[in-house]
Amino acid sequence: MMQIESARARAMNDTRNRILDVALEVLGQNPDAGMGDVASAAGVVRRTVYGHFPTRTDLVRTLARQAIDEIAAVIAEVTASEQAADAMWVDFVARLWPLTHRYRVLVALRRGEYGEEIHALLGPVDLTLADLVQRGQDSGVFGQHLPADILSQLAYGAVFSIADNDLSRGTPGARAATITSLLILGVPQVRADALLDGRP
């Protein structure tokens, strides 16, 4: 009996995860897509989607939290190191790049009806990034042309803009995103290239 229950629980969990994965793609391409669109793309009936997520808001909230948790984990790992702030930023973009498809959903949904809630959920991520940029400004590796909180938003916004326009191209896109964001942060081109090529 226990085996049957655990097999059923595993199957339900697999279905839930498939719905979330598909919803990432569907809502990333069309933020106005409905539960029926998600169900159809996942190959399940609407009732199955509603069984896991009673409302569209529940689904969006779950996607947002999942994406933010992943991004927060990446930032925490990177900022725990002893590297210089510019090298830390390179590490951050490299680790974040494979997750940018999840962030696309947040970018799209942040502009709509869920904007305020997603903005609040992203608060700790925004603060940590601003601290990283402030660290770079204090040590002289990042420019002082804007306050750290604004500069960090512009730099990581550039990463996701490039990801959104370059999702299928992998490594060249990652390099372009890293160098562009470093330039926004005030890192000279020569230093940006050296950081990416592993030169001290």
N, C-alpha and C. Protein backbone atom coordinates (compact mmCIF):
# COMPACT_ATOMS: atom_id res chain seq x y z
N MET A 1 0.83 -1.21 0.00
CA MET A 1 0.00 0.00 0.00
C MET A 1 0.88 1.27 0.00
N MET A 2 1.93 1.24 0.87
CA MET A 2 2.85 2.38 0.95
C MET A 2 3.51 2.65 -0.40
N GLN A 3 3.89 1.57 -1.10
CA GLN A 3 4.57 1.71 -2.40
C GLN A 3 3.64 2.36 -3.42
N ILE A 4 2.37 1.96 -3.38
CA ILE A 4 1.39 2.54 -4.32
C ILE A 4 1.24 4.03 -4.04
N GLU A 5 1.15 4.39 -2.73
CA GLU A 5 1.00 5.80 -2.36
C GLU A 5 2.22 6.62 -2.76
N SER A 6 3.42 6.05 -2.53
CA SER A 6 4.63 6.82 -2.87
C SER A 6 4.78 6.94 -4.39
N ALA A 7 4.37 5.91 -5.13
CA ALA A 7 4.41 5.98 -6.60
C ALA A 7 3.43 7.05 -7.09
N ARG A 8 2.26 7.11 -6.44
CA ARG A 8 1.26 8.12 -6.82
C ARG A 8 1.78 9.53 -6.50
N ALA A 9 2.39 9.66 -5.32
CA ALA A 9 2.94 10.97 -4.93
C ALA A 9 4.05 11.40 -5.88
N ARG A 10 4.88 10.44 -6.28
CA ARG A 10 5.97 10.73 -7.21
C ARG A 10 5.41 11.17 -8.57
N ALA A 11 4.37 10.46 -9.03
CA ALA A 11 3.75 10.80 -10.32
C ALA A 11 3.13 12.20 -10.26
N MET A 12 2.49 12.52 -9.12
CA MET A 12 1.89 13.86 -8.97
C MET A 12 2.96 14.94 -8.96
N ASN A 13 4.05 14.65 -8.28
CA ASN A 13 5.15 15.60 -8.21
C ASN A 13 5.78 15.81 -9.59
N ASP A 14 5.94 14.73 -10.35
CA ASP A 14 6.47 14.82 -11.72
C ASP A 14 5.56 15.68 -12.59
N THR A 15 4.24 15.47 -12.45
CA THR A 15 3.28 16.24 -13.23
C THR A 15 3.36 17.72 -12.86
N ARG A 16 3.44 18.00 -11.55
CA ARG A 16 3.54 19.38 -11.08
C ARG A 16 4.79 20.06 -11.65
N ASN A 17 5.90 19.35 -11.60
CA ASN A 17 7.15 19.91 -12.13
C ASN A 17 7.07 20.13 -13.64
N ARG A 18 6.41 19.21 -14.36
CA ARG A 18 6.26 19.38 -15.81
C ARG A 18 5.40 20.61 -16.11
N ILE A 19 4.33 20.79 -15.33
CA ILE A 19 3.47 21.96 -15.52
C ILE A 19 4.28 23.25 -15.30
N LEU A 20 5.11 23.26 -14.24
CA LEU A 20 5.93 24.45 -13.96
C LEU A 20 6.92 24.71 -15.08
N ASP A 21 7.59 23.66 -15.56
CA ASP A 21 8.56 23.83 -16.65
C ASP A 21 7.90 24.38 -17.91
N VAL A 22 6.73 23.82 -18.23
CA VAL A 22 6.01 24.27 -19.43
C VAL A 22 5.50 25.70 -19.24
N ALA A 23 5.01 25.99 -18.04
CA ALA A 23 4.50 27.34 -17.76
C ALA A 23 5.59 28.39 -17.91
N LEU A 24 6.82 28.03 -17.54
CA LEU A 24 7.96 28.94 -17.72
C LEU A 24 8.08 29.35 -19.18
N GLU A 25 8.01 28.36 -20.06
CA GLU A 25 8.13 28.63 -21.50
C GLU A 25 6.93 29.41 -22.01
N VAL A 26 5.72 28.93 -21.67
CA VAL A 26 4.49 29.53 -22.20
C VAL A 26 4.35 30.98 -21.75
N LEU A 27 4.52 31.22 -20.44
CA LEU A 27 4.37 32.59 -19.92
C LEU A 27 5.56 33.47 -20.30
N GLY A 28 6.73 32.86 -20.50
CA GLY A 28 7.89 33.62 -20.95
C GLY A 28 7.67 34.18 -22.35
N GLN A 29 6.95 33.41 -23.19
CA GLN A 29 6.66 33.86 -24.56
C GLN A 29 5.43 34.75 -24.62
N ASN A 30 4.43 34.43 -23.75
CA ASN A 30 3.20 35.22 -23.75
C ASN A 30 2.71 35.38 -22.31
N PRO A 31 3.05 36.50 -21.66
CA PRO A 31 2.67 36.72 -20.26
C PRO A 31 1.16 36.67 -20.01
N ASP A 32 0.37 36.83 -21.07
CA ASP A 32 -1.09 36.82 -20.90
C ASP A 32 -1.70 35.43 -21.10
N ALA A 33 -0.86 34.42 -21.35
CA ALA A 33 -1.37 33.06 -21.57
C ALA A 33 -2.17 32.60 -20.36
N GLY A 34 -3.22 31.81 -20.64
CA GLY A 34 -4.10 31.33 -19.57
C GLY A 34 -3.75 29.92 -19.13
N MET A 35 -4.49 29.44 -18.15
CA MET A 35 -4.27 28.09 -17.63
C MET A 35 -4.51 27.03 -18.70
N GLY A 36 -5.45 27.30 -19.60
CA GLY A 36 -5.74 26.37 -20.69
C GLY A 36 -4.54 26.22 -21.62
N ASP A 37 -3.85 27.33 -21.88
CA ASP A 37 -2.65 27.31 -22.73
C ASP A 37 -1.56 26.46 -22.08
N VAL A 38 -1.40 26.64 -20.77
CA VAL A 38 -0.39 25.88 -20.02
C VAL A 38 -0.75 24.40 -20.05
N ALA A 39 -2.02 24.08 -19.80
CA ALA A 39 -2.47 22.67 -19.78
C ALA A 39 -2.23 22.02 -21.14
N SER A 40 -2.61 22.73 -22.18
CA SER A 40 -2.46 22.20 -23.54
C SER A 40 -0.98 21.93 -23.86
N ALA A 41 -0.11 22.88 -23.53
CA ALA A 41 1.33 22.71 -23.80
C ALA A 41 1.94 21.59 -22.96
N ALA A 42 1.38 21.37 -21.75
CA ALA A 42 1.91 20.32 -20.87
C ALA A 42 1.32 18.95 -21.20
N GLY A 43 0.32 18.93 -22.07
CA GLY A 43 -0.30 17.66 -22.44
C GLY A 43 -1.21 17.09 -21.36
N VAL A 44 -1.81 18.01 -20.58
CA VAL A 44 -2.75 17.57 -19.53
C VAL A 44 -4.04 18.37 -19.69
N VAL A 45 -5.09 17.95 -18.97
CA VAL A 45 -6.35 18.70 -19.02
C VAL A 45 -6.27 19.85 -18.01
N ARG A 46 -7.12 20.84 -18.23
CA ARG A 46 -7.11 22.03 -17.35
C ARG A 46 -7.29 21.66 -15.89
N ARG A 47 -8.16 20.66 -15.66
CA ARG A 47 -8.45 20.25 -14.28
C ARG A 47 -7.16 19.83 -13.55
N THR A 48 -6.25 19.20 -14.29
CA THR A 48 -4.98 18.75 -13.69
C THR A 48 -4.15 19.96 -13.25
N VAL A 49 -4.10 20.98 -14.10
CA VAL A 49 -3.36 22.20 -13.74
C VAL A 49 -3.99 22.84 -12.51
N TYR A 50 -5.32 22.95 -12.51
CA TYR A 50 -6.01 23.56 -11.36
C TYR A 50 -5.88 22.72 -10.10
N GLY A 51 -5.68 21.41 -10.26
CA GLY A 51 -5.48 20.54 -9.10
C GLY A 51 -4.18 20.87 -8.37
N HIS A 52 -3.19 21.30 -9.12
CA HIS A 52 -1.90 21.67 -8.52
C HIS A 52 -1.83 23.15 -8.16
N PHE A 53 -2.48 23.97 -8.99
CA PHE A 53 -2.44 25.43 -8.80
C PHE A 53 -3.87 25.96 -8.94
N PRO A 54 -4.56 26.16 -7.80
CA PRO A 54 -5.99 26.53 -7.83
C PRO A 54 -6.30 27.78 -8.65
N THR A 55 -5.34 28.71 -8.74
CA THR A 55 -5.56 29.93 -9.55
C THR A 55 -4.30 30.23 -10.37
N ARG A 56 -4.47 31.07 -11.35
CA ARG A 56 -3.32 31.50 -12.17
C ARG A 56 -2.30 32.23 -11.29
N THR A 57 -2.82 32.98 -10.31
CA THR A 57 -1.94 33.70 -9.39
C THR A 57 -1.05 32.73 -8.62
N ASP A 58 -1.61 31.60 -8.18
CA ASP A 58 -0.82 30.58 -7.47
C ASP A 58 0.30 30.06 -8.36
N LEU A 59 -0.02 29.83 -9.63
CA LEU A 59 0.98 29.32 -10.57
C LEU A 59 2.09 30.36 -10.77
N VAL A 60 1.71 31.60 -11.01
CA VAL A 60 2.69 32.68 -11.23
C VAL A 60 3.56 32.88 -9.99
N ARG A 61 2.91 32.88 -8.82
CA ARG A 61 3.65 33.07 -7.56
C ARG A 61 4.68 31.95 -7.37
N THR A 62 4.29 30.72 -7.67
CA THR A 62 5.20 29.58 -7.53
C THR A 62 6.39 29.71 -8.49
N LEU A 63 6.10 30.09 -9.73
CA LEU A 63 7.17 30.28 -10.72
C LEU A 63 8.13 31.38 -10.28
N ALA A 64 7.56 32.49 -9.79
CA ALA A 64 8.38 33.62 -9.37
C ALA A 64 9.28 33.23 -8.21
N ARG A 65 8.71 32.55 -7.21
CA ARG A 65 9.51 32.15 -6.03
C ARG A 65 10.62 31.18 -6.42
N GLN A 66 10.28 30.25 -7.32
CA GLN A 66 11.27 29.26 -7.76
C GLN A 66 12.44 29.94 -8.46
N ALA A 67 12.12 30.86 -9.36
CA ALA A 67 13.17 31.59 -10.10
C ALA A 67 14.00 32.45 -9.15
N ILE A 68 13.34 33.15 -8.26
CA ILE A 68 14.04 34.04 -7.33
C ILE A 68 14.93 33.25 -6.39
N ASP A 69 14.44 32.11 -5.93
CA ASP A 69 15.26 31.25 -5.04
C ASP A 69 16.54 30.81 -5.74
N GLU A 70 16.40 30.44 -7.01
CA GLU A 70 17.59 30.00 -7.77
C GLU A 70 18.59 31.14 -7.95
N ILE A 71 18.07 32.32 -8.29
CA ILE A 71 18.94 33.48 -8.51
C ILE A 71 19.60 33.89 -7.20
N ALA A 72 18.83 33.88 -6.10
CA ALA A 72 19.38 34.25 -4.79
C ALA A 72 20.48 33.29 -4.37
N ALA A 73 20.31 32.00 -4.67
CA ALA A 73 21.32 31.00 -4.32
C ALA A 73 22.62 31.26 -5.08
N VAL A 74 22.49 31.63 -6.36
CA VAL A 74 23.67 31.94 -7.18
C VAL A 74 24.40 33.14 -6.60
N ILE A 75 23.67 34.19 -6.28
CA ILE A 75 24.30 35.41 -5.75
C ILE A 75 24.99 35.12 -4.41
N ALA A 76 24.31 34.36 -3.54
CA ALA A 76 24.88 34.06 -2.22
C ALA A 76 26.20 33.31 -2.36
N GLU A 77 26.23 32.36 -3.30
CA GLU A 77 27.45 31.57 -3.53
C GLU A 77 28.59 32.47 -4.02
N VAL A 78 28.27 33.32 -4.98
CA VAL A 78 29.28 34.18 -5.61
C VAL A 78 29.83 35.20 -4.61
N THR A 79 28.93 35.84 -3.86
CA THR A 79 29.37 36.92 -2.96
C THR A 79 30.07 36.39 -1.70
N ALA A 80 30.02 35.08 -1.49
CA ALA A 80 30.72 34.50 -0.34
C ALA A 80 32.21 34.34 -0.62
N SER A 81 32.62 34.51 -1.88
CA SER A 81 34.03 34.31 -2.24
C SER A 81 34.86 35.54 -1.88
N GLU A 82 36.17 35.39 -1.99
CA GLU A 82 37.09 36.48 -1.63
C GLU A 82 37.59 37.24 -2.86
N GLN A 83 36.96 37.00 -4.02
CA GLN A 83 37.42 37.62 -5.26
C GLN A 83 37.18 39.13 -5.27
N ALA A 84 37.84 39.80 -6.20
CA ALA A 84 37.55 41.22 -6.44
C ALA A 84 36.12 41.31 -7.00
N ALA A 85 35.48 42.46 -6.82
CA ALA A 85 34.08 42.61 -7.22
C ALA A 85 33.86 42.38 -8.72
N ASP A 86 34.81 42.80 -9.56
CA ASP A 86 34.60 42.60 -11.01
C ASP A 86 34.69 41.11 -11.38
N ALA A 87 35.61 40.38 -10.74
CA ALA A 87 35.71 38.93 -10.98
C ALA A 87 34.47 38.23 -10.44
N MET A 88 33.95 38.73 -9.32
CA MET A 88 32.72 38.19 -8.73
C MET A 88 31.55 38.36 -9.70
N TRP A 89 31.49 39.53 -10.35
CA TRP A 89 30.42 39.80 -11.30
C TRP A 89 30.49 38.83 -12.48
N VAL A 90 31.71 38.57 -12.96
CA VAL A 90 31.89 37.62 -14.08
C VAL A 90 31.38 36.23 -13.66
N ASP A 91 31.71 35.83 -12.46
CA ASP A 91 31.27 34.54 -11.92
C ASP A 91 29.75 34.50 -11.80
N PHE A 92 29.18 35.61 -11.34
CA PHE A 92 27.73 35.72 -11.19
C PHE A 92 27.02 35.52 -12.53
N VAL A 93 27.47 36.22 -13.56
CA VAL A 93 26.82 36.11 -14.88
C VAL A 93 27.00 34.69 -15.44
N ALA A 94 28.18 34.11 -15.27
CA ALA A 94 28.43 32.75 -15.78
C ALA A 94 27.47 31.73 -15.15
N ARG A 95 27.25 31.86 -13.84
CA ARG A 95 26.36 30.92 -13.15
C ARG A 95 24.89 31.21 -13.42
N LEU A 96 24.60 32.49 -13.64
CA LEU A 96 23.21 32.89 -13.87
C LEU A 96 22.73 32.56 -15.28
N TRP A 97 23.65 32.58 -16.24
CA TRP A 97 23.27 32.45 -17.65
C TRP A 97 22.35 31.25 -17.92
N PRO A 98 22.65 30.05 -17.38
CA PRO A 98 21.75 28.91 -17.66
C PRO A 98 20.35 29.09 -17.06
N LEU A 99 20.17 30.04 -16.15
CA LEU A 99 18.87 30.24 -15.50
C LEU A 99 18.07 31.38 -16.14
N THR A 100 18.65 32.03 -17.13
CA THR A 100 17.99 33.24 -17.64
C THR A 100 16.62 32.96 -18.24
N HIS A 101 16.38 31.73 -18.74
CA HIS A 101 15.04 31.43 -19.28
C HIS A 101 13.99 31.54 -18.18
N ARG A 102 14.36 31.20 -16.93
CA ARG A 102 13.42 31.34 -15.81
C ARG A 102 13.18 32.83 -15.53
N TYR A 103 14.24 33.60 -15.63
CA TYR A 103 14.11 35.03 -15.33
C TYR A 103 13.27 35.75 -16.36
N ARG A 104 13.25 35.25 -17.59
CA ARG A 104 12.41 35.86 -18.63
C ARG A 104 10.98 36.00 -18.15
N VAL A 105 10.51 34.97 -17.44
CA VAL A 105 9.14 34.99 -16.93
C VAL A 105 8.97 36.16 -15.95
N LEU A 106 9.94 36.32 -15.07
CA LEU A 106 9.85 37.40 -14.08
C LEU A 106 9.85 38.77 -14.76
N VAL A 107 10.72 38.92 -15.76
CA VAL A 107 10.80 40.20 -16.48
C VAL A 107 9.46 40.50 -17.13
N ALA A 108 8.89 39.49 -17.80
CA ALA A 108 7.61 39.68 -18.48
C ALA A 108 6.49 39.98 -17.48
N LEU A 109 6.44 39.19 -16.41
CA LEU A 109 5.34 39.34 -15.45
C LEU A 109 5.50 40.56 -14.55
N ARG A 110 6.73 41.01 -14.38
CA ARG A 110 7.00 42.19 -13.54
C ARG A 110 6.36 43.43 -14.16
N ARG A 111 6.17 43.40 -15.47
CA ARG A 111 5.59 44.56 -16.16
C ARG A 111 4.06 44.56 -16.08
N GLY A 112 3.47 43.45 -15.65
CA GLY A 112 2.01 43.33 -15.66
C GLY A 112 1.38 43.41 -14.28
N GLU A 113 0.25 42.71 -14.14
CA GLU A 113 -0.56 42.81 -12.90
C GLU A 113 0.15 42.28 -11.66
N TYR A 114 1.17 41.42 -11.86
CA TYR A 114 1.88 40.86 -10.70
C TYR A 114 3.14 41.66 -10.37
N GLY A 115 3.31 42.78 -11.03
CA GLY A 115 4.53 43.56 -10.90
C GLY A 115 4.93 43.91 -9.48
N GLU A 116 3.95 44.39 -8.70
CA GLU A 116 4.26 44.82 -7.33
C GLU A 116 4.74 43.65 -6.48
N GLU A 117 4.04 42.52 -6.59
CA GLU A 117 4.40 41.34 -5.79
C GLU A 117 5.77 40.80 -6.18
N ILE A 118 6.03 40.71 -7.48
CA ILE A 118 7.32 40.20 -7.94
C ILE A 118 8.43 41.17 -7.54
N HIS A 119 8.15 42.45 -7.63
CA HIS A 119 9.13 43.46 -7.22
C HIS A 119 9.50 43.26 -5.74
N ALA A 120 8.49 42.99 -4.91
CA ALA A 120 8.73 42.77 -3.47
C ALA A 120 9.54 41.49 -3.25
N LEU A 121 9.20 40.43 -3.98
CA LEU A 121 9.93 39.17 -3.85
C LEU A 121 11.40 39.33 -4.26
N LEU A 122 11.63 40.18 -5.26
CA LEU A 122 12.99 40.40 -5.76
C LEU A 122 13.81 41.33 -4.88
N GLY A 123 13.17 41.96 -3.89
CA GLY A 123 13.85 42.91 -3.02
C GLY A 123 15.20 42.45 -2.49
N PRO A 124 15.26 41.25 -1.86
CA PRO A 124 16.55 40.79 -1.32
C PRO A 124 17.62 40.58 -2.40
N VAL A 125 17.21 40.12 -3.58
CA VAL A 125 18.15 39.94 -4.70
C VAL A 125 18.70 41.31 -5.11
N ASP A 126 17.81 42.28 -5.26
CA ASP A 126 18.23 43.64 -5.65
C ASP A 126 19.22 44.23 -4.64
N LEU A 127 18.95 44.02 -3.35
CA LEU A 127 19.83 44.55 -2.31
C LEU A 127 21.20 43.92 -2.35
N THR A 128 21.24 42.59 -2.54
CA THR A 128 22.53 41.89 -2.57
C THR A 128 23.36 42.34 -3.77
N LEU A 129 22.71 42.53 -4.91
CA LEU A 129 23.42 43.00 -6.10
C LEU A 129 23.94 44.43 -5.90
N ALA A 130 23.12 45.27 -5.27
CA ALA A 130 23.55 46.64 -4.99
C ALA A 130 24.76 46.64 -4.06
N ASP A 131 24.76 45.72 -3.08
CA ASP A 131 25.92 45.60 -2.16
C ASP A 131 27.18 45.19 -2.91
N LEU A 132 27.01 44.26 -3.86
CA LEU A 132 28.16 43.80 -4.66
C LEU A 132 28.73 44.97 -5.47
N VAL A 133 27.84 45.74 -6.09
CA VAL A 133 28.30 46.89 -6.89
C VAL A 133 28.93 47.95 -5.98
N GLN A 134 28.35 48.16 -4.81
CA GLN A 134 28.93 49.12 -3.86
C GLN A 134 30.34 48.69 -3.45
N ARG A 135 30.51 47.39 -3.25
CA ARG A 135 31.83 46.85 -2.90
C ARG A 135 32.83 47.17 -4.02
N GLY A 136 32.37 47.02 -5.27
CA GLY A 136 33.22 47.32 -6.41
C GLY A 136 33.54 48.80 -6.53
N GLN A 137 32.56 49.64 -6.20
CA GLN A 137 32.80 51.09 -6.23
C GLN A 137 33.79 51.49 -5.13
N ASP A 138 33.61 50.90 -3.95
CA ASP A 138 34.49 51.23 -2.82
C ASP A 138 35.94 50.83 -3.09
N SER A 139 36.11 49.71 -3.83
CA SER A 139 37.47 49.24 -4.11
C SER A 139 38.04 49.83 -5.40
N GLY A 140 37.23 50.64 -6.12
CA GLY A 140 37.71 51.32 -7.31
C GLY A 140 37.65 50.53 -8.61
N VAL A 141 37.01 49.31 -8.60
CA VAL A 141 36.95 48.54 -9.85
C VAL A 141 35.68 48.86 -10.66
N PHE A 142 34.66 49.44 -10.00
CA PHE A 142 33.45 49.86 -10.70
C PHE A 142 33.38 51.39 -10.68
N GLY A 143 32.71 51.95 -11.69
CA GLY A 143 32.57 53.40 -11.78
C GLY A 143 31.67 53.99 -10.71
N GLN A 144 31.82 55.28 -10.52
CA GLN A 144 31.02 56.02 -9.53
C GLN A 144 29.96 56.87 -10.23
N HIS A 145 29.72 56.61 -11.53
CA HIS A 145 28.85 57.49 -12.31
C HIS A 145 27.37 57.43 -11.91
N LEU A 146 26.98 56.39 -11.17
CA LEU A 146 25.60 56.27 -10.68
C LEU A 146 25.64 55.62 -9.30
N PRO A 147 24.59 55.81 -8.50
CA PRO A 147 24.53 55.10 -7.22
C PRO A 147 24.49 53.58 -7.46
N ALA A 148 25.01 52.82 -6.49
CA ALA A 148 25.15 51.37 -6.64
C ALA A 148 23.83 50.66 -6.96
N ASP A 149 22.72 51.10 -6.34
CA ASP A 149 21.46 50.39 -6.57
C ASP A 149 20.97 50.56 -8.01
N ILE A 150 21.16 51.76 -8.57
CA ILE A 150 20.73 52.00 -9.96
C ILE A 150 21.68 51.29 -10.93
N LEU A 151 22.97 51.39 -10.66
CA LEU A 151 23.97 50.78 -11.53
C LEU A 151 23.81 49.26 -11.58
N SER A 152 23.53 48.65 -10.44
CA SER A 152 23.36 47.20 -10.42
C SER A 152 22.14 46.78 -11.24
N GLN A 153 21.06 47.57 -11.15
CA GLN A 153 19.84 47.26 -11.92
C GLN A 153 20.10 47.36 -13.42
N LEU A 154 20.83 48.40 -13.82
CA LEU A 154 21.14 48.57 -15.24
C LEU A 154 22.02 47.43 -15.76
N ALA A 155 23.03 47.06 -14.97
CA ALA A 155 23.97 46.03 -15.41
C ALA A 155 23.30 44.67 -15.51
N TYR A 156 22.50 44.30 -14.50
CA TYR A 156 21.91 42.98 -14.63
C TYR A 156 20.69 42.99 -15.53
N GLY A 157 20.08 44.16 -15.72
CA GLY A 157 19.02 44.28 -16.72
C GLY A 157 19.57 44.03 -18.12
N ALA A 158 20.80 44.50 -18.37
CA ALA A 158 21.45 44.27 -19.67
C ALA A 158 21.69 42.78 -19.92
N VAL A 159 22.08 42.07 -18.86
CA VAL A 159 22.31 40.62 -18.99
C VAL A 159 21.04 39.93 -19.46
N PHE A 160 19.90 40.27 -18.84
CA PHE A 160 18.66 39.59 -19.20
C PHE A 160 18.11 40.05 -20.54
N SER A 161 18.38 41.30 -20.92
CA SER A 161 17.97 41.77 -22.26
C SER A 161 18.72 40.98 -23.34
N ILE A 162 20.02 40.79 -23.13
CA ILE A 162 20.81 40.04 -24.11
C ILE A 162 20.37 38.58 -24.13
N ALA A 163 20.11 38.02 -22.97
CA ALA A 163 19.64 36.63 -22.89
C ALA A 163 18.33 36.47 -23.65
N ASP A 164 17.45 37.43 -23.49
CA ASP A 164 16.13 37.36 -24.12
C ASP A 164 16.24 37.40 -25.64
N ASN A 165 17.24 38.11 -26.14
CA ASN A 165 17.41 38.24 -27.59
C ASN A 165 18.40 37.24 -28.17
N ASP A 166 19.00 36.42 -27.31
CA ASP A 166 20.10 35.57 -27.76
C ASP A 166 20.05 34.19 -27.12
N LEU A 167 18.83 33.73 -26.80
CA LEU A 167 18.70 32.51 -26.00
C LEU A 167 19.29 31.27 -26.64
N SER A 168 19.23 31.20 -27.96
CA SER A 168 19.66 29.97 -28.61
C SER A 168 21.15 29.93 -28.90
N ARG A 169 21.87 31.01 -28.59
CA ARG A 169 23.26 31.07 -29.06
C ARG A 169 24.31 30.74 -28.01
N GLY A 170 23.86 30.47 -26.77
CA GLY A 170 24.77 29.95 -25.75
C GLY A 170 25.95 30.83 -25.41
N THR A 171 27.14 30.29 -25.55
CA THR A 171 28.37 30.92 -25.07
C THR A 171 28.62 32.32 -25.65
N PRO A 172 28.48 32.55 -26.97
CA PRO A 172 28.71 33.92 -27.46
C PRO A 172 27.81 34.93 -26.76
N GLY A 173 26.56 34.54 -26.52
CA GLY A 173 25.62 35.42 -25.83
C GLY A 173 26.06 35.70 -24.41
N ALA A 174 26.56 34.67 -23.73
CA ALA A 174 27.01 34.82 -22.34
C ALA A 174 28.19 35.79 -22.27
N ARG A 175 29.10 35.65 -23.22
CA ARG A 175 30.27 36.55 -23.24
C ARG A 175 29.82 38.00 -23.49
N ALA A 176 28.94 38.16 -24.47
CA ALA A 176 28.44 39.52 -24.78
C ALA A 176 27.74 40.13 -23.57
N ALA A 177 26.94 39.32 -22.87
CA ALA A 177 26.21 39.81 -21.70
C ALA A 177 27.17 40.21 -20.59
N THR A 178 28.21 39.40 -20.39
CA THR A 178 29.16 39.69 -19.32
C THR A 178 29.94 40.96 -19.62
N ILE A 179 30.46 41.07 -20.84
CA ILE A 179 31.26 42.25 -21.20
C ILE A 179 30.39 43.51 -21.19
N THR A 180 29.20 43.43 -21.75
CA THR A 180 28.32 44.61 -21.77
C THR A 180 28.01 45.08 -20.35
N SER A 181 27.68 44.13 -19.46
CA SER A 181 27.34 44.52 -18.09
C SER A 181 28.57 45.09 -17.36
N LEU A 182 29.75 44.54 -17.63
CA LEU A 182 30.98 45.09 -17.02
C LEU A 182 31.24 46.52 -17.51
N LEU A 183 31.02 46.76 -18.80
CA LEU A 183 31.21 48.11 -19.35
C LEU A 183 30.24 49.09 -18.69
N ILE A 184 28.99 48.66 -18.48
CA ILE A 184 28.00 49.50 -17.80
C ILE A 184 28.47 49.83 -16.38
N LEU A 185 29.10 48.84 -15.75
CA LEU A 185 29.61 49.02 -14.38
C LEU A 185 30.87 49.89 -14.33
N GLY A 186 31.40 50.25 -15.50
CA GLY A 186 32.55 51.14 -15.55
C GLY A 186 33.89 50.42 -15.62
N VAL A 187 33.85 49.12 -15.93
CA VAL A 187 35.10 48.36 -16.08
C VAL A 187 35.65 48.61 -17.49
N PRO A 188 36.93 48.98 -17.64
CA PRO A 188 37.47 49.21 -18.99
C PRO A 188 37.42 47.93 -19.85
N GLN A 189 37.25 48.12 -21.16
CA GLN A 189 37.15 46.99 -22.09
C GLN A 189 38.32 46.02 -21.95
N VAL A 190 39.54 46.54 -21.82
CA VAL A 190 40.73 45.69 -21.72
C VAL A 190 40.63 44.79 -20.49
N ARG A 191 40.21 45.36 -19.38
CA ARG A 191 40.06 44.58 -18.13
C ARG A 191 38.92 43.56 -18.27
N ALA A 192 37.82 43.96 -18.92
CA ALA A 192 36.68 43.05 -19.12
C ALA A 192 37.11 41.83 -19.93
N ASP A 193 37.84 42.09 -21.03
CA ASP A 193 38.33 40.98 -21.87
C ASP A 193 39.28 40.07 -21.08
N ALA A 194 40.17 40.69 -20.30
CA ALA A 194 41.13 39.92 -19.51
C ALA A 194 40.42 39.03 -18.49
N LEU A 195 39.38 39.55 -17.84
CA LEU A 195 38.61 38.78 -16.86
C LEU A 195 37.97 37.56 -17.50
N LEU A 196 37.43 37.75 -18.70
CA LEU A 196 36.75 36.65 -19.38
C LEU A 196 37.73 35.63 -19.95
N ASP A 197 38.92 36.08 -20.26
CA ASP A 197 39.91 35.16 -20.82
C ASP A 197 40.79 34.54 -19.73
N GLY A 198 40.43 34.81 -18.47
CA GLY A 198 41.15 34.21 -17.35
C GLY A 198 42.53 34.78 -17.12
N ARG A 199 42.75 36.03 -17.62
CA ARG A 199 44.05 36.66 -17.37
C ARG A 199 43.95 37.49 -16.10
N PRO A 200 44.97 37.48 -15.24
CA PRO A 200 44.90 38.24 -13.99
C PRO A 200 44.88 39.75 -14.22
